[in-house]
Amino acid sequence: MRTHANAMASRAHRQVANLRVATANLTASTSRISDVDLASALSTLTRTKILSRAGTKVLSRADAVQQRVLSLPD
């Protein structure tokens, strides 16, 4: 009877240890997924900012060219 109880206790301890490992693995996976999501969002934000600044620069240059053309003598 005692041997059976010890075996069950040992099995329960192993299951608890396995659950702890599984929990740690899930936590690590969730963290990696969050890191990837954040990196993706930052990449998209950076790309959008670069495109916006490039567009502003192009419009500024186009306006400058237009002003030069308008200032040419007739």
PDB file of N, CA and C in Angstrom:
ATOM      1  N   MET A   1       0.832  -1.187   0.000  1.00  0.00           N
ATOM      2  CA  MET A   1       0.000   0.000   0.000  1.00  0.00           C
ATOM      3  C   MET A   1       0.879   1.254   0.000  1.00  0.00           C
ATOM      4  N   ARG A   2       1.894   1.233   0.861  1.00  0.00           N
ATOM      5  CA  ARG A   2       2.792   2.381   0.949  1.00  0.00           C
ATOM      6  C   ARG A   2       3.552   2.556  -0.367  1.00  0.00           C
ATOM      7  N   THR A   3       3.962   1.449  -0.979  1.00  0.00           N
ATOM      8  CA  THR A   3       4.684   1.498  -2.249  1.00  0.00           C
ATOM      9  C   THR A   3       3.805   2.110  -3.328  1.00  0.00           C
ATOM     10  N   HIS A   4       2.555   1.724  -3.340  1.00  0.00           N
ATOM     11  CA  HIS A   4       1.606   2.269  -4.321  1.00  0.00           C
ATOM     12  C   HIS A   4       1.423   3.776  -4.108  1.00  0.00           C
ATOM     13  N   ALA A   5       1.322   4.189  -2.869  1.00  0.00           N
ATOM     14  CA  ALA A   5       1.162   5.615  -2.555  1.00  0.00           C
ATOM     15  C   ALA A   5       2.411   6.390  -2.961  1.00  0.00           C
ATOM     16  N   ASN A   6       3.583   5.808  -2.700  1.00  0.00           N
ATOM     17  CA  ASN A   6       4.829   6.465  -3.096  1.00  0.00           C
ATOM     18  C   ASN A   6       4.933   6.588  -4.618  1.00  0.00           C
ATOM     19  N   ALA A   7       4.508   5.547  -5.313  1.00  0.00           N
ATOM     20  CA  ALA A   7       4.538   5.573  -6.780  1.00  0.00           C
ATOM     21  C   ALA A   7       3.604   6.657  -7.310  1.00  0.00           C
ATOM     22  N   MET A   8       2.426   6.768  -6.720  1.00  0.00           N
ATOM     23  CA  MET A   8       1.472   7.800  -7.150  1.00  0.00           C
ATOM     24  C   MET A   8       2.008   9.194  -6.850  1.00  0.00           C
ATOM     25  N   ALA A   9       2.640   9.349  -5.688  1.00  0.00           N
ATOM     26  CA  ALA A   9       3.214  10.646  -5.322  1.00  0.00           C
ATOM     27  C   ALA A   9       4.344  11.011  -6.281  1.00  0.00           C
ATOM     28  N   SER A  10       5.159  10.031  -6.621  1.00  0.00           N
ATOM     29  CA  SER A  10       6.258  10.261  -7.558  1.00  0.00           C
ATOM     30  C   SER A  10       5.715  10.666  -8.927  1.00  0.00           C
ATOM     31  N   ARG A  11       4.689   9.981  -9.383  1.00  0.00           N
ATOM     32  CA  ARG A  11       4.054  10.302 -10.662  1.00  0.00           C
ATOM     33  C   ARG A  11       3.470  11.719 -10.628  1.00  0.00           C
ATOM     34  N   ALA A  12       2.845  12.067  -9.524  1.00  0.00           N
ATOM     35  CA  ALA A  12       2.265  13.408  -9.385  1.00  0.00           C
ATOM     36  C   ALA A  12       3.358  14.473  -9.425  1.00  0.00           C
ATOM     37  N   HIS A  13       4.480  14.215  -8.776  1.00  0.00           N
ATOM     38  CA  HIS A  13       5.604  15.163  -8.791  1.00  0.00           C
ATOM     39  C   HIS A  13       6.145  15.349 -10.210  1.00  0.00           C
ATOM     40  N   ARG A  14       6.253  14.223 -10.957  1.00  0.00           N
ATOM     41  CA  ARG A  14       6.725  14.320 -12.344  1.00  0.00           C
ATOM     42  C   ARG A  14       5.747  15.123 -13.197  1.00  0.00           C
ATOM     43  N   GLN A  15       4.449  14.897 -12.980  1.00  0.00           N
ATOM     44  CA  GLN A  15       3.449  15.631 -13.748  1.00  0.00           C
ATOM     45  C   GLN A  15       3.505  17.124 -13.433  1.00  0.00           C
ATOM     46  N   VAL A  16       3.693  17.459 -12.173  1.00  0.00           N
ATOM     47  CA  VAL A  16       3.822  18.866 -11.783  1.00  0.00           C
ATOM     48  C   VAL A  16       5.056  19.473 -12.439  1.00  0.00           C
ATOM     49  N   ALA A  17       6.161  18.729 -12.424  1.00  0.00           N
ATOM     50  CA  ALA A  17       7.392  19.222 -13.058  1.00  0.00           C
ATOM     51  C   ALA A  17       7.173  19.418 -14.556  1.00  0.00           C
ATOM     52  N   ASN A  18       6.504  18.467 -15.199  1.00  0.00           N
ATOM     53  CA  ASN A  18       6.214  18.589 -16.632  1.00  0.00           C
ATOM     54  C   ASN A  18       5.320  19.790 -16.919  1.00  0.00           C
ATOM     55  N   LEU A  19       4.334  20.009 -16.056  1.00  0.00           N
ATOM     56  CA  LEU A  19       3.449  21.162 -16.231  1.00  0.00           C
ATOM     57  C   LEU A  19       4.211  22.472 -16.058  1.00  0.00           C
ATOM     58  N   ARG A  20       5.156  22.501 -15.134  1.00  0.00           N
ATOM     59  CA  ARG A  20       5.972  23.705 -14.949  1.00  0.00           C
ATOM     60  C   ARG A  20       6.812  23.982 -16.191  1.00  0.00           C
ATOM     61  N   VAL A  21       7.389  22.927 -16.757  1.00  0.00           N
ATOM     62  CA  VAL A  21       8.182  23.087 -17.982  1.00  0.00           C
ATOM     63  C   VAL A  21       7.277  23.568 -19.118  1.00  0.00           C
ATOM     64  N   ALA A  22       6.102  22.971 -19.244  1.00  0.00           N
ATOM     65  CA  ALA A  22       5.169  23.377 -20.293  1.00  0.00           C
ATOM     66  C   ALA A  22       4.753  24.833 -20.118  1.00  0.00           C
ATOM     67  N   THR A  23       4.512  25.240 -18.884  1.00  0.00           N
ATOM     68  CA  THR A  23       4.149  26.630 -18.608  1.00  0.00           C
ATOM     69  C   THR A  23       5.284  27.573 -18.980  1.00  0.00           C
ATOM     70  N   ALA A  24       6.501  27.201 -18.629  1.00  0.00           N
ATOM     71  CA  ALA A  24       7.666  28.027 -18.980  1.00  0.00           C
ATOM     72  C   ALA A  24       7.817  28.120 -20.494  1.00  0.00           C
ATOM     73  N   ASN A  25       7.615  27.006 -21.193  1.00  0.00           N
ATOM     74  CA  ASN A  25       7.713  27.010 -22.655  1.00  0.00           C
ATOM     75  C   ASN A  25       6.636  27.888 -23.283  1.00  0.00           C
ATOM     76  N   LEU A  26       5.421  27.803 -22.763  1.00  0.00           N
ATOM     77  CA  LEU A  26       4.335  28.641 -23.285  1.00  0.00           C
ATOM     78  C   LEU A  26       4.608  30.121 -23.029  1.00  0.00           C
ATOM     79  N   THR A  27       5.127  30.426 -21.862  1.00  0.00           N
ATOM     80  CA  THR A  27       5.463  31.814 -21.540  1.00  0.00           C
ATOM     81  C   THR A  27       6.541  32.330 -22.480  1.00  0.00           C
ATOM     82  N   ALA A  28       7.557  31.521 -22.725  1.00  0.00           N
ATOM     83  CA  ALA A  28       8.636  31.920 -23.639  1.00  0.00           C
ATOM     84  C   ALA A  28       8.102  32.097 -25.054  1.00  0.00           C
ATOM     85  N   SER A  29       7.234  31.200 -25.490  1.00  0.00           N
ATOM     86  CA  SER A  29       6.653  31.311 -26.833  1.00  0.00           C
ATOM     87  C   SER A  29       5.814  32.570 -26.965  1.00  0.00           C
ATOM     88  N   THR A  30       5.014  32.850 -25.957  1.00  0.00           N
ATOM     89  CA  THR A  30       4.191  34.058 -25.973  1.00  0.00           C
ATOM     90  C   THR A  30       5.066  35.297 -26.036  1.00  0.00           C
ATOM     91  N   SER A  31       6.149  35.285 -25.302  1.00  0.00           N
ATOM     92  CA  SER A  31       7.075  36.415 -25.310  1.00  0.00           C
ATOM     93  C   SER A  31       7.685  36.602 -26.692  1.00  0.00           C
ATOM     94  N   ARG A  32       8.097  35.496 -27.323  1.00  0.00           N
ATOM     95  CA  ARG A  32       8.686  35.596 -28.667  1.00  0.00           C
ATOM     96  C   ARG A  32       7.665  36.111 -29.672  1.00  0.00           C
ATOM     97  N   ILE A  33       6.425  35.650 -29.567  1.00  0.00           N
ATOM     98  CA  ILE A  33       5.373  36.121 -30.470  1.00  0.00           C
ATOM     99  C   ILE A  33       5.149  37.614 -30.271  1.00  0.00           C
ATOM    100  N   SER A  34       5.112  38.051 -29.027  1.00  0.00           N
ATOM    101  CA  SER A  34       4.939  39.480 -28.743  1.00  0.00           C
ATOM    102  C   SER A  34       6.101  40.288 -29.307  1.00  0.00           C
ATOM    103  N   ASP A  35       7.319  39.759 -29.172  1.00  0.00           N
ATOM    104  CA  ASP A  35       8.492  40.444 -29.717  1.00  0.00           C
ATOM    105  C   ASP A  35       8.391  40.575 -31.231  1.00  0.00           C
ATOM    106  N   VAL A  36       7.943  39.508 -31.892  1.00  0.00           N
ATOM    107  CA  VAL A  36       7.794  39.542 -33.351  1.00  0.00           C
ATOM    108  C   VAL A  36       6.709  40.538 -33.739  1.00  0.00           C
ATOM    109  N   ASP A  37       5.587  40.546 -33.011  1.00  0.00           N
ATOM    110  CA  ASP A  37       4.513  41.497 -33.296  1.00  0.00           C
ATOM    111  C   ASP A  37       5.010  42.930 -33.140  1.00  0.00           C
ATOM    112  N   LEU A  38       5.770  43.189 -32.090  1.00  0.00           N
ATOM    113  CA  LEU A  38       6.297  44.526 -31.851  1.00  0.00           C
ATOM    114  C   LEU A  38       7.278  44.913 -32.946  1.00  0.00           C
ATOM    115  N   ALA A  39       8.157  43.994 -33.313  1.00  0.00           N
ATOM    116  CA  ALA A  39       9.134  44.276 -34.371  1.00  0.00           C
ATOM    117  C   ALA A  39       8.425  44.559 -35.688  1.00  0.00           C
ATOM    118  N   SER A  40       7.392  43.809 -35.977  1.00  0.00           N
ATOM    119  CA  SER A  40       6.629  44.022 -37.208  1.00  0.00           C
ATOM    120  C   SER A  40       5.941  45.383 -37.194  1.00  0.00           C
ATOM    121  N   ALA A  41       5.353  45.738 -36.071  1.00  0.00           N
ATOM    122  CA  ALA A  41       4.680  47.033 -35.954  1.00  0.00           C
ATOM    123  C   ALA A  41       5.678  48.179 -36.087  1.00  0.00           C
ATOM    124  N   LEU A  42       6.843  48.040 -35.454  1.00  0.00           N
ATOM    125  CA  LEU A  42       7.861  49.089 -35.553  1.00  0.00           C
ATOM    126  C   LEU A  42       8.391  49.202 -36.975  1.00  0.00           C
ATOM    127  N   SER A  43       8.530  48.082 -37.644  1.00  0.00           N
ATOM    128  CA  SER A  43       8.984  48.085 -39.036  1.00  0.00           C
ATOM    129  C   SER A  43       7.972  48.805 -39.924  1.00  0.00           C
ATOM    130  N   THR A  44       6.703  48.513 -39.725  1.00  0.00           N
ATOM    131  CA  THR A  44       5.652  49.174 -40.502  1.00  0.00           C
ATOM    132  C   THR A  44       5.628  50.667 -40.215  1.00  0.00           C
ATOM    133  N   LEU A  45       5.758  51.045 -38.959  1.00  0.00           N
ATOM    134  CA  LEU A  45       5.772  52.458 -38.587  1.00  0.00           C
ATOM    135  C   LEU A  45       6.954  53.174 -39.230  1.00  0.00           C
ATOM    136  N   THR A  46       8.125  52.560 -39.170  1.00  0.00           N
ATOM    137  CA  THR A  46       9.321  53.161 -39.764  1.00  0.00           C
ATOM    138  C   THR A  46       9.149  53.326 -41.266  1.00  0.00           C
ATOM    139  N   ARG A  47       8.631  52.303 -41.924  1.00  0.00           N
ATOM    140  CA  ARG A  47       8.396  52.368 -43.374  1.00  0.00           C
ATOM    141  C   ARG A  47       7.427  53.497 -43.709  1.00  0.00           C
ATOM    142  N   THR A  48       6.359  53.603 -42.949  1.00  0.00           N
ATOM    143  CA  THR A  48       5.367  54.649 -43.186  1.00  0.00           C
ATOM    144  C   THR A  48       5.977  56.032 -43.000  1.00  0.00           C
ATOM    145  N   LYS A  49       6.788  56.204 -41.966  1.00  0.00           N
ATOM    146  CA  LYS A  49       7.438  57.500 -41.735  1.00  0.00           C
ATOM    147  C   LYS A  49       8.378  57.851 -42.880  1.00  0.00           C
ATOM    148  N   ILE A  50       9.155  56.868 -43.344  1.00  0.00           N
ATOM    149  CA  ILE A  50      10.087  57.116 -44.450  1.00  0.00           C
ATOM    150  C   ILE A  50       9.323  57.510 -45.709  1.00  0.00           C
ATOM    151  N   LEU A  51       8.263  56.784 -46.018  1.00  0.00           N
ATOM    152  CA  LEU A  51       7.465  57.109 -47.207  1.00  0.00           C
ATOM    153  C   LEU A  51       6.814  58.483 -47.083  1.00  0.00           C
ATOM    154  N   SER A  52       6.346  58.811 -45.895  1.00  0.00           N
ATOM    155  CA  SER A  52       5.724  60.117 -45.675  1.00  0.00           C
ATOM    156  C   SER A  52       6.738  61.236 -45.865  1.00  0.00           C
ATOM    157  N   ARG A  53       7.916  61.068 -45.298  1.00  0.00           N
ATOM    158  CA  ARG A  53       8.962  62.093 -45.441  1.00  0.00           C
ATOM    159  C   ARG A  53       9.408  62.215 -46.892  1.00  0.00           C
ATOM    160  N   ALA A  54       9.527  61.095 -47.577  1.00  0.00           N
ATOM    161  CA  ALA A  54       9.915  61.128 -48.991  1.00  0.00           C
ATOM    162  C   ALA A  54       8.848  61.847 -49.812  1.00  0.00           C
ATOM    163  N   GLY A  55       7.591  61.565 -49.525  1.00  0.00           N
ATOM    164  CA  GLY A  55       6.501  62.237 -50.237  1.00  0.00           C
ATOM    165  C   GLY A  55       6.507  63.732 -49.990  1.00  0.00           C
ATOM    166  N   THR A  56       6.737  64.128 -48.754  1.00  0.00           N
ATOM    167  CA  THR A  56       6.805  65.553 -48.416  1.00  0.00           C
ATOM    168  C   THR A  56       7.952  66.222 -49.160  1.00  0.00           C
ATOM    169  N   LYS A  57       9.088  65.540 -49.235  1.00  0.00           N
ATOM    170  CA  LYS A  57      10.263  66.081 -49.929  1.00  0.00           C
ATOM    171  C   LYS A  57       9.974  66.240 -51.425  1.00  0.00           C
ATOM    172  N   VAL A  58       9.340  65.255 -52.029  1.00  0.00           N
ATOM    173  CA  VAL A  58       8.998  65.328 -53.455  1.00  0.00           C
ATOM    174  C   VAL A  58       8.052  66.492 -53.709  1.00  0.00           C
ATOM    175  N   LEU A  59       7.043  66.647 -52.867  1.00  0.00           N
ATOM    176  CA  LEU A  59       6.104  67.763 -53.035  1.00  0.00           C
ATOM    177  C   LEU A  59       6.805  69.099 -52.865  1.00  0.00           C
ATOM    178  N   SER A  60       7.718  69.180 -51.934  1.00  0.00           N
ATOM    179  CA  SER A  60       8.469  70.412 -51.713  1.00  0.00           C
ATOM    180  C   SER A  60       9.300  70.760 -52.938  1.00  0.00           C
ATOM    181  N   ARG A  61       9.960  69.770 -53.502  1.00  0.00           N
ATOM    182  CA  ARG A  61      10.770  70.014 -54.704  1.00  0.00           C
ATOM    183  C   ARG A  61       9.891  70.378 -55.892  1.00  0.00           C
ATOM    184  N   ALA A  62       8.760  69.723 -56.026  1.00  0.00           N
ATOM    185  CA  ALA A  62       7.847  70.050 -57.125  1.00  0.00           C
ATOM    186  C   ALA A  62       7.352  71.482 -56.988  1.00  0.00           C
ATOM    187  N   ASP A  63       7.067  71.905 -55.779  1.00  0.00           N
ATOM    188  CA  ASP A  63       6.625  73.280 -55.543  1.00  0.00           C
ATOM    189  C   ASP A  63       7.741  74.261 -55.887  1.00  0.00           C
ATOM    190  N   ALA A  64       8.974  73.925 -55.531  1.00  0.00           N
ATOM    191  CA  ALA A  64      10.113  74.795 -55.840  1.00  0.00           C
ATOM    192  C   ALA A  64      10.299  74.911 -57.346  1.00  0.00           C
ATOM    193  N   VAL A  65      10.160  73.808 -58.062  1.00  0.00           N
ATOM    194  CA  VAL A  65      10.280  73.845 -59.529  1.00  0.00           C
ATOM    195  C   VAL A  65       9.170  74.709 -60.117  1.00  0.00           C
ATOM    196  N   GLN A  66       7.971  74.553 -59.604  1.00  0.00           N
ATOM    197  CA  GLN A  66       6.845  75.350 -60.102  1.00  0.00           C
ATOM    198  C   GLN A  66       7.116  76.837 -59.875  1.00  0.00           C
ATOM    199  N   GLN A  67       7.633  77.180 -58.718  1.00  0.00           N
ATOM    200  CA  GLN A  67       7.934  78.585 -58.429  1.00  0.00           C
ATOM    201  C   GLN A  67       9.007  79.119 -59.375  1.00  0.00           C
ATOM    202  N   ARG A  68      10.006  78.303 -59.682  1.00  0.00           N
ATOM    203  CA  ARG A  68      11.048  78.732 -60.624  1.00  0.00           C
ATOM    204  C   ARG A  68      10.473  78.947 -62.014  1.00  0.00           C
ATOM    205  N   VAL A  69       9.616  78.025 -62.427  1.00  0.00           N
ATOM    206  CA  VAL A  69       9.006  78.161 -63.758  1.00  0.00           C
ATOM    207  C   VAL A  69       8.153  79.422 -63.813  1.00  0.00           C
ATOM    208  N   LEU A  70       7.402  79.677 -62.775  1.00  0.00           N
ATOM    209  CA  LEU A  70       6.545  80.867 -62.763  1.00  0.00           C
ATOM    210  C   LEU A  70       7.357  82.156 -62.716  1.00  0.00           C
ATOM    211  N   SER A  71       8.568  82.080 -62.211  1.00  0.00           N
ATOM    212  CA  SER A  71       9.388  83.293 -62.128  1.00  0.00           C
ATOM    213  C   SER A  71      10.169  83.562 -63.417  1.00  0.00           C
ATOM    214  N   LEU A  72      10.100  82.649 -64.382  1.00  0.00           N
ATOM    215  CA  LEU A  72      10.786  82.872 -65.657  1.00  0.00           C
ATOM    216  C   LEU A  72      10.115  84.024 -66.405  1.00  0.00           C
ATOM    217  N   PRO A  73      10.933  84.798 -67.105  1.00  0.00           N
ATOM    218  CA  PRO A  73      10.332  85.898 -67.873  1.00  0.00           C
ATOM    219  C   PRO A  73       9.495  85.356 -69.030  1.00  0.00           C
ATOM    220  N   ASP A  74       8.496  86.093 -69.374  1.00  0.00           N
ATOM    221  CA  ASP A  74       7.615  85.681 -70.479  1.00  0.00           C
ATOM    222  C   ASP A  74       8.262  85.828 -71.810  1.00  0.00           C
TER     223      ASP A  74
END
